[in-house]
Every structure is written in structure tokens, then in C-alpha cells.
C-alpha atoms as a PDB file:
ATOM      1  CA  MET A   1     -48.176  10.019 -13.651  1.00  0.00           C
ATOM      2  CA  ALA A   2     -48.021   8.079 -10.428  1.00  0.00           C
ATOM      3  CA  ARG A   3     -44.930   8.680  -8.258  1.00  0.00           C
ATOM      4  CA  ILE A   4     -42.088   5.979  -8.149  1.00  0.00           C
ATOM      5  CA  THR A   5     -41.567   5.256  -4.500  1.00  0.00           C
ATOM      6  CA  SER A   6     -38.410   3.932  -2.747  1.00  0.00           C
ATOM      7  CA  GLU A   7     -40.103   0.596  -2.095  1.00  0.00           C
ATOM      8  CA  GLN A   8     -40.410   0.629  -5.705  1.00  0.00           C
ATOM      9  CA  TYR A   9     -36.882   2.010  -6.961  1.00  0.00           C
ATOM     10  CA  GLU A  10     -34.557   0.164  -3.799  1.00  0.00           C
ATOM     11  CA  PRO A  11     -35.055  -3.364  -5.165  1.00  0.00           C
ATOM     12  CA  ALA A  12     -33.686  -2.567  -8.455  1.00  0.00           C
ATOM     13  CA  PHE A  13     -30.311  -2.448  -7.008  1.00  0.00           C
ATOM     14  CA  GLU A  14     -30.282  -6.254  -6.022  1.00  0.00           C
ATOM     15  CA  PHE A  15     -31.822  -7.048  -9.291  1.00  0.00           C
ATOM     16  CA  ALA A  16     -29.096  -5.228 -11.289  1.00  0.00           C
ATOM     17  CA  LEU A  17     -26.537  -6.867  -9.164  1.00  0.00           C
ATOM     18  CA  LYS A  18     -27.829 -10.215 -10.288  1.00  0.00           C
ATOM     19  CA  VAL A  19     -27.773  -9.067 -14.209  1.00  0.00           C
ATOM     20  CA  GLU A  20     -24.303  -7.694 -13.690  1.00  0.00           C
ATOM     21  CA  SER A  21     -23.103 -11.112 -12.140  1.00  0.00           C
ATOM     22  CA  GLY A  22     -24.892 -13.380 -14.832  1.00  0.00           C
ATOM     23  CA  GLN A  23     -27.441 -14.868 -12.174  1.00  0.00           C
ATOM     24  CA  THR A  24     -30.065 -13.474 -14.515  1.00  0.00           C
ATOM     25  CA  ASN A  25     -30.585 -11.460 -17.718  1.00  0.00           C
ATOM     26  CA  ARG A  26     -32.026  -8.108 -18.510  1.00  0.00           C
ATOM     27  CA  SER A  27     -35.377  -9.096 -19.323  1.00  0.00           C
ATOM     28  CA  ALA A  28     -35.826 -11.266 -16.634  1.00  0.00           C
ATOM     29  CA  ALA A  29     -34.998  -9.049 -14.170  1.00  0.00           C
ATOM     30  CA  THR A  30     -37.324  -6.506 -15.429  1.00  0.00           C
ATOM     31  CA  ALA A  31     -40.135  -8.829 -15.619  1.00  0.00           C
ATOM     32  CA  LEU A  32     -39.286  -9.534 -11.791  1.00  0.00           C
ATOM     33  CA  LEU A  33     -38.823  -6.318 -10.605  1.00  0.00           C
ATOM     34  CA  SER A  34     -42.332  -5.196 -11.979  1.00  0.00           C
ATOM     35  CA  SER A  35     -43.921  -8.100 -10.516  1.00  0.00           C
ATOM     36  CA  HIS A  36     -42.159  -7.471  -7.111  1.00  0.00           C
ATOM     37  CA  THR A  37     -42.734  -3.924  -6.838  1.00  0.00           C
ATOM     38  CA  GLY A  38     -45.879  -2.840  -8.885  1.00  0.00           C
ATOM     39  CA  LEU A  39     -43.572  -0.792 -11.311  1.00  0.00           C
ATOM     40  CA  LYS A  40     -44.514  -0.809 -14.985  1.00  0.00           C
ATOM     41  CA  SER A  41     -42.525  -2.481 -17.325  1.00  0.00           C
ATOM     42  CA  SER A  42     -41.228   0.720 -18.938  1.00  0.00           C
ATOM     43  CA  SER A  43     -40.263   2.063 -15.450  1.00  0.00           C
ATOM     44  CA  SER A  44     -38.655  -1.427 -14.400  1.00  0.00           C
ATOM     45  CA  ALA A  45     -36.420  -1.292 -17.490  1.00  0.00           C
ATOM     46  CA  PHE A  46     -35.381   2.526 -16.982  1.00  0.00           C
ATOM     47  CA  TYR A  47     -34.102   1.906 -13.366  1.00  0.00           C
ATOM     48  CA  LEU A  48     -32.453  -1.210 -14.416  1.00  0.00           C
ATOM     49  CA  ASN A  49     -30.821   0.266 -17.411  1.00  0.00           C
ATOM     50  CA  ALA A  50     -29.600   3.325 -15.361  1.00  0.00           C
ATOM     51  CA  LEU A  51     -28.140   1.005 -12.833  1.00  0.00           C
ATOM     52  CA  LEU A  52     -26.492  -1.146 -15.297  1.00  0.00           C
ATOM     53  CA  ALA A  53     -24.904   1.782 -16.777  1.00  0.00           C
ATOM     54  CA  MET A  54     -23.612   2.688 -13.281  1.00  0.00           C
ATOM     55  CA  LEU A  55     -22.320  -0.643 -12.899  1.00  0.00           C
ATOM     56  CA  GLU A  56     -20.595  -0.456 -16.498  1.00  0.00           C
ATOM     57  CA  GLY A  57     -19.528   3.380 -16.053  1.00  0.00           C
ATOM     58  CA  THR A  58     -21.753   3.962 -19.306  1.00  0.00           C
ATOM     59  CA  VAL A  59     -24.380   6.489 -20.317  1.00  0.00           C
ATOM     60  CA  TYR A  60     -27.980   5.775 -19.715  1.00  0.00           C
ATOM     61  CA  LYS A  61     -30.620   7.937 -21.592  1.00  0.00           C
ATOM     62  CA  LYS A  62     -33.722   7.659 -19.502  1.00  0.00           C
ATOM     63  CA  THR A  63     -33.792   9.953 -16.495  1.00  0.00           C
ATOM     64  CA  ILE A  64     -34.568   8.542 -12.835  1.00  0.00           C
ATOM     65  CA  SER A  65     -35.325  10.495  -9.700  1.00  0.00           C
ATOM     66  CA  LEU A  66     -32.729  12.369  -7.445  1.00  0.00           C
ATOM     67  CA  ALA A  67     -33.777  10.431  -4.773  1.00  0.00           C
ATOM     68  CA  ALA A  68     -33.226   7.035  -6.243  1.00  0.00           C
ATOM     69  CA  THR A  69     -29.966   8.510  -7.412  1.00  0.00           C
ATOM     70  CA  ARG A  70     -28.961   9.338  -4.158  1.00  0.00           C
ATOM     71  CA  TYR A  71     -30.255   5.983  -2.595  1.00  0.00           C
ATOM     72  CA  TYR A  72     -27.861   4.023  -5.684  1.00  0.00           C
ATOM     73  CA  LEU A  73     -24.919   6.183  -5.293  1.00  0.00           C
ATOM     74  CA  GLU A  74     -24.983   5.776  -1.382  1.00  0.00           C
ATOM     75  CA  ARG A  75     -25.231   1.874  -2.022  1.00  0.00           C
ATOM     76  CA  PHE A  76     -22.133   2.144  -4.561  1.00  0.00           C
ATOM     77  CA  LYS A  77     -20.099   4.119  -1.790  1.00  0.00           C
ATOM     78  CA  ASN A  78     -20.991   1.819   1.271  1.00  0.00           C
ATOM     79  CA  ASP A  79     -21.560  -1.669  -0.480  1.00  0.00           C
ATOM     80  CA  MET A  80     -19.077  -1.410  -3.251  1.00  0.00           C
ATOM     81  CA  SER A  81     -15.551  -0.318  -4.226  1.00  0.00           C
ATOM     82  CA  PRO A  82     -14.353   3.059  -4.807  1.00  0.00           C
ATOM     83  CA  GLU A  83     -13.749   1.974  -8.447  1.00  0.00           C
ATOM     84  CA  ALA A  84     -17.215   1.220  -8.802  1.00  0.00           C
ATOM     85  CA  LEU A  85     -18.533   4.315  -7.179  1.00  0.00           C
ATOM     86  CA  GLU A  86     -16.154   6.028  -9.687  1.00  0.00           C
ATOM     87  CA  ARG A  87     -17.911   4.046 -12.749  1.00  0.00           C
ATOM     88  CA  ALA A  88     -21.161   5.192 -11.323  1.00  0.00           C
ATOM     89  CA  LEU A  89     -20.503   8.773 -10.972  1.00  0.00           C
ATOM     90  CA  VAL A  90     -19.253   8.687 -14.443  1.00  0.00           C
ATOM     91  CA  ALA A  91     -22.544   7.238 -15.635  1.00  0.00           C
ATOM     92  CA  VAL A  92     -24.663   9.424 -14.010  1.00  0.00           C
ATOM     93  CA  GLU A  93     -22.214  12.673 -15.393  1.00  0.00           C
ATOM     94  CA  LEU A  94     -22.601  11.211 -19.010  1.00  0.00           C
ATOM     95  CA  HIS A  95     -26.485  10.898 -18.472  1.00  0.00           C
ATOM     96  CA  LEU A  96     -26.437  14.649 -17.278  1.00  0.00           C
ATOM     97  CA  ASP A  97     -24.562  15.740 -20.168  1.00  0.00           C
ATOM     98  CA  TYR A  98     -26.866  13.527 -22.852  1.00  0.00           C
ATOM     99  CA  TYR A  99     -29.824  15.240 -21.236  1.00  0.00           C
ATOM    100  CA  ALA A 100     -28.422  18.932 -21.458  1.00  0.00           C
ATOM    101  CA  VAL A 101     -27.508  18.325 -24.921  1.00  0.00           C
ATOM    102  CA  GLN A 102     -31.110  17.266 -25.714  1.00  0.00           C
ATOM    103  CA  GLY A 103     -32.204  20.484 -24.480  1.00  0.00           C
ATOM    104  CA  LYS A 104     -34.154  18.744 -21.502  1.00  0.00           C
ATOM    105  CA  GLY A 105     -32.430  20.970 -18.715  1.00  0.00           C
ATOM    106  CA  GLU A 106     -29.159  20.730 -16.658  1.00  0.00           C
ATOM    107  CA  GLN A 107     -30.925  18.739 -13.719  1.00  0.00           C
ATOM    108  CA  VAL A 108     -28.800  21.000 -11.359  1.00  0.00           C
ATOM    109  CA  SER A 109     -29.828  18.784  -8.089  1.00  0.00           C
ATOM    110  CA  ILE A 110     -28.373  15.854  -9.566  1.00  0.00           C
ATOM    111  CA  ARG A 111     -25.240  17.690 -10.791  1.00  0.00           C
ATOM    112  CA  ALA A 112     -24.751  18.869  -7.357  1.00  0.00           C
ATOM    113  CA  LEU A 113     -25.482  15.438  -6.003  1.00  0.00           C
ATOM    114  CA  VAL A 114     -22.733  13.977  -8.169  1.00  0.00           C
ATOM    115  CA  ASP A 115     -20.238  16.681  -7.044  1.00  0.00           C
ATOM    116  CA  SER A 116     -20.800  15.766  -3.248  1.00  0.00           C
ATOM    117  CA  TYR A 117     -20.347  12.260  -3.936  1.00  0.00           C
ATOM    118  CA  ARG A 118     -17.002  12.682  -5.975  1.00  0.00           C
ATOM    119  CA  ALA A 119     -15.807  14.817  -2.564  1.00  0.00           C
ATOM    120  CA  LYS A 120     -16.680  11.891  -0.734  1.00  0.00           C
ATOM    121  CA  LEU A 121     -14.836   9.523  -3.202  1.00  0.00           C
ATOM    122  CA  ALA A 122     -11.504  11.902  -3.160  1.00  0.00           C
ATOM    123  CA  LEU A 123     -11.609  11.712   0.484  1.00  0.00           C
ATOM    124  CA  SER A 124     -12.013   7.964   0.645  1.00  0.00           C
ATOM    125  CA  VAL A 125      -9.030   7.521  -1.745  1.00  0.00           C
ATOM    126  CA  THR A 126      -7.167   9.439   0.705  1.00  0.00           C
ATOM    127  CA  GLU A 127      -7.887   7.669   3.409  1.00  0.00           C
ATOM    128  CA  ILE A 128      -6.746   4.188   1.494  1.00  0.00           C
ATOM    129  CA  ILE A 129      -3.265   5.987   0.245  1.00  0.00           C
ATOM    130  CA  TYR A 130      -2.884   7.429   3.834  1.00  0.00           C
ATOM    131  CA  PRO A 131      -3.536   5.376   7.192  1.00  0.00           C
ATOM    132  CA  ASP A 132      -3.601   8.592   8.944  1.00  0.00           C
ATOM    133  CA  GLU A 133      -6.618   9.671   7.368  1.00  0.00           C
ATOM    134  CA  VAL A 134      -9.201   7.741   8.704  1.00  0.00           C
ATOM    135  CA  PRO A 135     -12.733   7.756   8.727  1.00  0.00           C
ATOM    136  CA  PRO A 136     -13.595  10.488  10.976  1.00  0.00           C
ATOM    137  CA  GLN A 137     -16.302  10.623  14.133  1.00  0.00           C
ATOM    138  CA  LEU A 138     -15.708  13.995  15.620  1.00  0.00           C
ATOM    139  CA  THR A 139     -17.125  17.057  14.971  1.00  0.00           C
ATOM    140  CA  GLY A 140     -16.293  20.871  16.042  1.00  0.00           C
ATOM    141  CA  PHE A 141     -13.082  20.572  14.472  1.00  0.00           C
ATOM    142  CA  ILE A 142     -11.832  18.477  17.398  1.00  0.00           C
ATOM    143  CA  GLU A 143      -8.986  16.326  16.571  1.00  0.00           C
ATOM    144  CA  GLY A 144      -6.347  14.055  17.958  1.00  0.00           C
ATOM    145  CA  ARG A 145      -7.960  11.282  20.041  1.00  0.00           C
ATOM    146  CA  VAL A 146      -6.577   8.008  19.240  1.00  0.00           C
ATOM    147  CA  LYS A 147      -8.579   5.161  18.131  1.00  0.00           C
ATOM    148  CA  GLN A 148      -7.565   1.597  16.548  1.00  0.00           C
ATOM    149  CA  VAL A 149      -7.723   0.851  12.887  1.00  0.00           C
ATOM    150  CA  THR A 150      -5.522  -1.365  12.096  1.00  0.00           C
ATOM    151  CA  ILE A 151      -2.522   0.760  13.269  1.00  0.00           C
ATOM    152  CA  ASN A 152      -3.374   3.558  15.836  1.00  0.00           C
ATOM    153  CA  ALA A 153      -4.293   6.628  14.018  1.00  0.00           C
ATOM    154  CA  TYR A 154      -5.613  10.276  14.900  1.00  0.00           C
ATOM    155  CA  GLU A 155      -9.192  11.211  14.254  1.00  0.00           C
ATOM    156  CA  ARG A 156      -9.860  13.791  11.504  1.00  0.00           C
ATOM    157  CA  ASP A 157     -12.842  16.069  11.214  1.00  0.00           C
ATOM    158  CA  PRO A 158     -14.278  16.535   7.558  1.00  0.00           C
ATOM    159  CA  GLU A 159     -15.580  19.622   8.049  1.00  0.00           C
ATOM    160  CA  ALA A 160     -12.176  21.061   8.999  1.00  0.00           C
ATOM    161  CA  ARG A 161     -10.990  19.636   5.577  1.00  0.00           C
ATOM    162  CA  THR A 162     -13.972  21.268   3.802  1.00  0.00           C
ATOM    163  CA  VAL A 163     -13.355  24.528   5.155  1.00  0.00           C
ATOM    164  CA  CYS A 164      -9.441  24.228   4.356  1.00  0.00           C
ATOM    165  CA  ILE A 165     -10.396  23.224   0.648  1.00  0.00           C
ATOM    166  CA  ALA A 166     -12.899  26.330   0.306  1.00  0.00           C
ATOM    167  CA  LYS A 167     -10.084  28.529   1.580  1.00  0.00           C
ATOM    168  CA  PHE A 168      -7.124  27.014  -0.872  1.00  0.00           C
ATOM    169  CA  GLY A 169      -8.960  25.097  -3.368  1.00  0.00           C
ATOM    170  CA  ALA A 170      -8.098  21.619  -4.477  1.00  0.00           C
ATOM    171  CA  ILE A 171      -4.612  22.674  -5.529  1.00  0.00           C
ATOM    172  CA  CYS A 172      -1.538  21.399  -4.082  1.00  0.00           C
ATOM    173  CA  GLN A 173      -0.155  24.546  -2.292  1.00  0.00           C
ATOM    174  CA  VAL A 174       3.549  23.059  -2.662  1.00  0.00           C
ATOM    175  CA  CYS A 175       3.900  22.421  -6.449  1.00  0.00           C
ATOM    176  CA  ASP A 176       0.361  23.798  -7.730  1.00  0.00           C
ATOM    177  CA  PHE A 177      -0.546  20.178  -9.211  1.00  0.00           C
ATOM    178  CA  ASP A 178      -4.422  20.403 -10.193  1.00  0.00           C
ATOM    179  CA  PHE A 179      -5.804  17.113 -10.466  1.00  0.00           C
ATOM    180  CA  GLU A 180      -8.763  18.371 -12.292  1.00  0.00           C
ATOM    181  CA  LYS A 181      -6.711  20.239 -14.705  1.00  0.00           C
ATOM    182  CA  THR A 182      -4.527  17.104 -15.592  1.00  0.00           C
ATOM    183  CA  TYR A 183      -6.984  14.296 -15.208  1.00  0.00           C
ATOM    184  CA  GLY A 184     -10.488  15.958 -15.955  1.00  0.00           C
ATOM    185  CA  GLN A 185     -13.614  14.958 -14.242  1.00  0.00           C
ATOM    186  CA  ILE A 186     -12.278  11.902 -12.238  1.00  0.00           C
ATOM    187  CA  GLY A 187      -9.749  14.560 -10.701  1.00  0.00           C
ATOM    188  CA  LYS A 188     -12.298  16.967  -9.498  1.00  0.00           C
ATOM    189  CA  GLY A 189     -12.065  17.735  -5.895  1.00  0.00           C
ATOM    190  CA  PHE A 190      -9.170  15.212  -5.489  1.00  0.00           C
ATOM    191  CA  ILE A 191      -6.455  16.330  -3.069  1.00  0.00           C
ATOM    192  CA  HIS A 192      -4.554  15.578   0.356  1.00  0.00           C
ATOM    193  CA  VAL A 193      -5.145  17.794   3.467  1.00  0.00           C
ATOM    194  CA  HIS A 194      -1.713  18.040   5.367  1.00  0.00           C
ATOM    195  CA  HIS A 195      -1.510  18.941   8.906  1.00  0.00           C
ATOM    196  CA  LYS A 196       1.294  21.197   9.649  1.00  0.00           C
ATOM    197  CA  VAL A 197       1.820  20.338  12.997  1.00  0.00           C
ATOM    198  CA  ASP A 198       1.779  16.533  13.442  1.00  0.00           C
ATOM    199  CA  LEU A 199      -1.029  15.154  15.582  1.00  0.00           C
ATOM    200  CA  ALA A 200       1.132  12.409  17.031  1.00  0.00           C
ATOM    201  CA  THR A 201       3.469  15.072  18.325  1.00  0.00           C
ATOM    202  CA  ILE A 202       0.529  16.845  20.135  1.00  0.00           C
ATOM    203  CA  GLY A 203      -0.838  13.556  21.821  1.00  0.00           C
ATOM    204  CA  GLU A 204      -4.160  14.988  22.903  1.00  0.00           C
ATOM    205  CA  SER A 205      -7.194  16.346  21.194  1.00  0.00           C
ATOM    206  CA  TYR A 206      -6.788  20.243  20.339  1.00  0.00           C
ATOM    207  CA  GLN A 207      -8.927  23.048  18.736  1.00  0.00           C
ATOM    208  CA  ILE A 208      -7.724  22.865  15.264  1.00  0.00           C
ATOM    209  CA  ASP A 209      -7.846  26.008  12.903  1.00  0.00           C
ATOM    210  CA  PRO A 210      -8.469  24.703   9.483  1.00  0.00           C
ATOM    211  CA  ILE A 211      -6.975  27.956   7.869  1.00  0.00           C
ATOM    212  CA  ASN A 212      -3.639  28.092   9.671  1.00  0.00           C
ATOM    213  CA  ASP A 213      -3.285  24.284  10.879  1.00  0.00           C
ATOM    214  CA  LEU A 214      -4.286  22.607   7.290  1.00  0.00           C
ATOM    215  CA  ILE A 215      -2.833  22.775   3.906  1.00  0.00           C
ATOM    216  CA  PRO A 216      -4.049  21.036   0.747  1.00  0.00           C
ATOM    217  CA  VAL A 217      -1.279  19.175  -0.927  1.00  0.00           C
ATOM    218  CA  CYS A 218      -0.914  16.238  -3.619  1.00  0.00           C
ATOM    219  CA  PRO A 219       0.190  12.888  -2.621  1.00  0.00           C
ATOM    220  CA  ASN A 220       3.610  13.382  -3.833  1.00  0.00           C
ATOM    221  CA  CYS A 221       4.147  16.369  -1.864  1.00  0.00           C
ATOM    222  CA  HIS A 222       2.337  14.813   1.230  1.00  0.00           C
ATOM    223  CA  ALA A 223       4.770  11.873   1.040  1.00  0.00           C
ATOM    224  CA  MET A 224       7.707  14.034   0.758  1.00  0.00           C
ATOM    225  CA  LEU A 225       6.702  16.184   3.742  1.00  0.00           C
ATOM    226  CA  HIS A 226       6.545  13.118   5.736  1.00  0.00           C
ATOM    227  CA  THR A 227      10.159  12.304   5.064  1.00  0.00           C
ATOM    228  CA  GLU A 228      11.229  13.870   8.184  1.00  0.00           C
ATOM    229  CA  LYS A 229       9.586  13.629  11.478  1.00  0.00           C
ATOM    230  CA  PRO A 230       7.973  15.726  12.579  1.00  0.00           C
ATOM    231  CA  ALA A 231       7.134  16.599   8.879  1.00  0.00           C
ATOM    232  CA  MET A 232       9.092  19.118   7.412  1.00  0.00           C
ATOM    233  CA  SER A 233       7.605  22.453   6.731  1.00  0.00           C
ATOM    234  CA  ILE A 234       5.687  23.655   3.471  1.00  0.00           C
ATOM    235  CA  GLU A 235       8.278  26.224   2.979  1.00  0.00           C
ATOM    236  CA  LYS A 236      11.165  23.761   3.060  1.00  0.00           C
ATOM    237  CA  LEU A 237       9.908  21.465   0.534  1.00  0.00           C
ATOM    238  CA  GLN A 238       9.034  24.356  -1.830  1.00  0.00           C
ATOM    239  CA  ARG A 239      12.870  25.218  -1.446  1.00  0.00           C
ATOM    240  CA  ILE A 240      14.112  21.797  -2.412  1.00  0.00           C
ATOM    241  CA  ILE A 241      11.715  21.705  -5.345  1.00  0.00           C
ATOM    242  CA  ASP A 242      12.962  25.327  -6.523  1.00  0.00           C
ATOM    243  CA  ASN A 243      16.663  24.220  -5.769  1.00  0.00           C
ATOM    244  CA  SER A 244      16.139  20.948  -7.903  1.00  0.00           C
ATOM    245  CA  ASN A 245      14.635  22.731 -10.931  1.00  0.00           C
ATOM    246  CA  ALA A 246      17.220  25.424 -11.031  1.00  0.00           C
END
């Protein structure tokens, strides 16, 4: 069987968007994709069906390559909304579950890819909710340089976030809330990461310690921590919760 190349599977994304928007139908898009790329009609149908399922968040049953899945998820991340990326991830997860039930294997590489994009999605949602969590450009755990987004914000290092979550888990260290336990797969890996010392009070770049300077918290506790300036301590908010529940 001839290997399907990127020149063949990449154009399928645009054809799927045309079907989804009503500019053409599935049969016509399949024929056009085959004509445009040289794919067999069956392969064109498999790739279009997978992409349309990703757009809808539904299961697709014919597997596509790891490289194609990576390319499509990257397009969803860069060109579509977070909600669209969520639907795409759900579709791939449903496909993986279907594939496993059929006894055809676990497709470990694709599942790991999905997990990585779930983490990216969680981070992007955090960035939307909290404007101080902006897309980072720094490396080496250096944080604090001011840049203009829509407001002045302090750059954040994703590697520091990763190390922090690897240590503490994606569970709120104030109230113990676990998004995955409550919301299932869509909550996997979602958490905010709070700076114990406000970057704005430091005013310059500094070498961050991901274990001692950062802490995973849920959005509610994150908001409550920032009701004081500088932010209140984790211990103080825990005492407030304990007293409220007493």
C-alpha cells in the first residue's frame, strides 16, 4: 500500500471546511480531493470523514496516520476556536476507544498526541480567563519581562508550569478540586498555576523555582487569591475555607 504523503492529507482540511460550511457536499469534496491529490477515493473518504467527525466531535471509524492527526490538531489549535479543538480531541478519543474495542490495538502514539493537545488546550483556556497568563516566549524558567498584549502582562514560561504540575498534579492545592474527576476527559490536565509572589511586585525578570514559587490552583481559588494585592497566601485562603465550612 502506497504511503499517504503530507501533500495528499493536508488539503483534506480545507475540503472538510467547505463541506462543513455548506459550500460543497461530501461526495463532491471526496472526488475533488482525489482529483487534486491523487488519493484513492476510499482514502479521500476516510480522511474527509475523520475531519468532519473532528469538526462535529463525533466518532470516526477508519484510522488515519499519526502525522495527519498531528497536522489536523495543529490546524484546529492555530486556526479554530478552543471549542473546535475540544470537539476535535473528543472525536479522536472516541475513535481510539472504538479502535481498541475492535481489538485493533491502543494506538499509543495518537493517544499521547491527544494528551499533549489537551494540555495545550487547558493552557489556552487559562490564558483566556486570566490575561496575566499570556502565550510565553521565554525559556529557561526566566519570567517577568513586560510585553504589550491588550494590557501590560508578564511573560510566563510553559516549562515552569509543566514542572510544577508534574510535582503537584493538576489538582487545586487550596481546595483539592480535580477537574478530571468532576468533568471527565474534558477536564483532564486543566488547572491554573499561581505565582506565590506576584510578578508585578518584582518588576524585573528573575529565575523562577517551579516547585517553590508556583502552585496549581483552580480558577475559583485563583480568583480569591487575587482579591488582595499582593495576592494572599495559600495558607490564608485555606483557613478562610476551613472557617467558612466550620
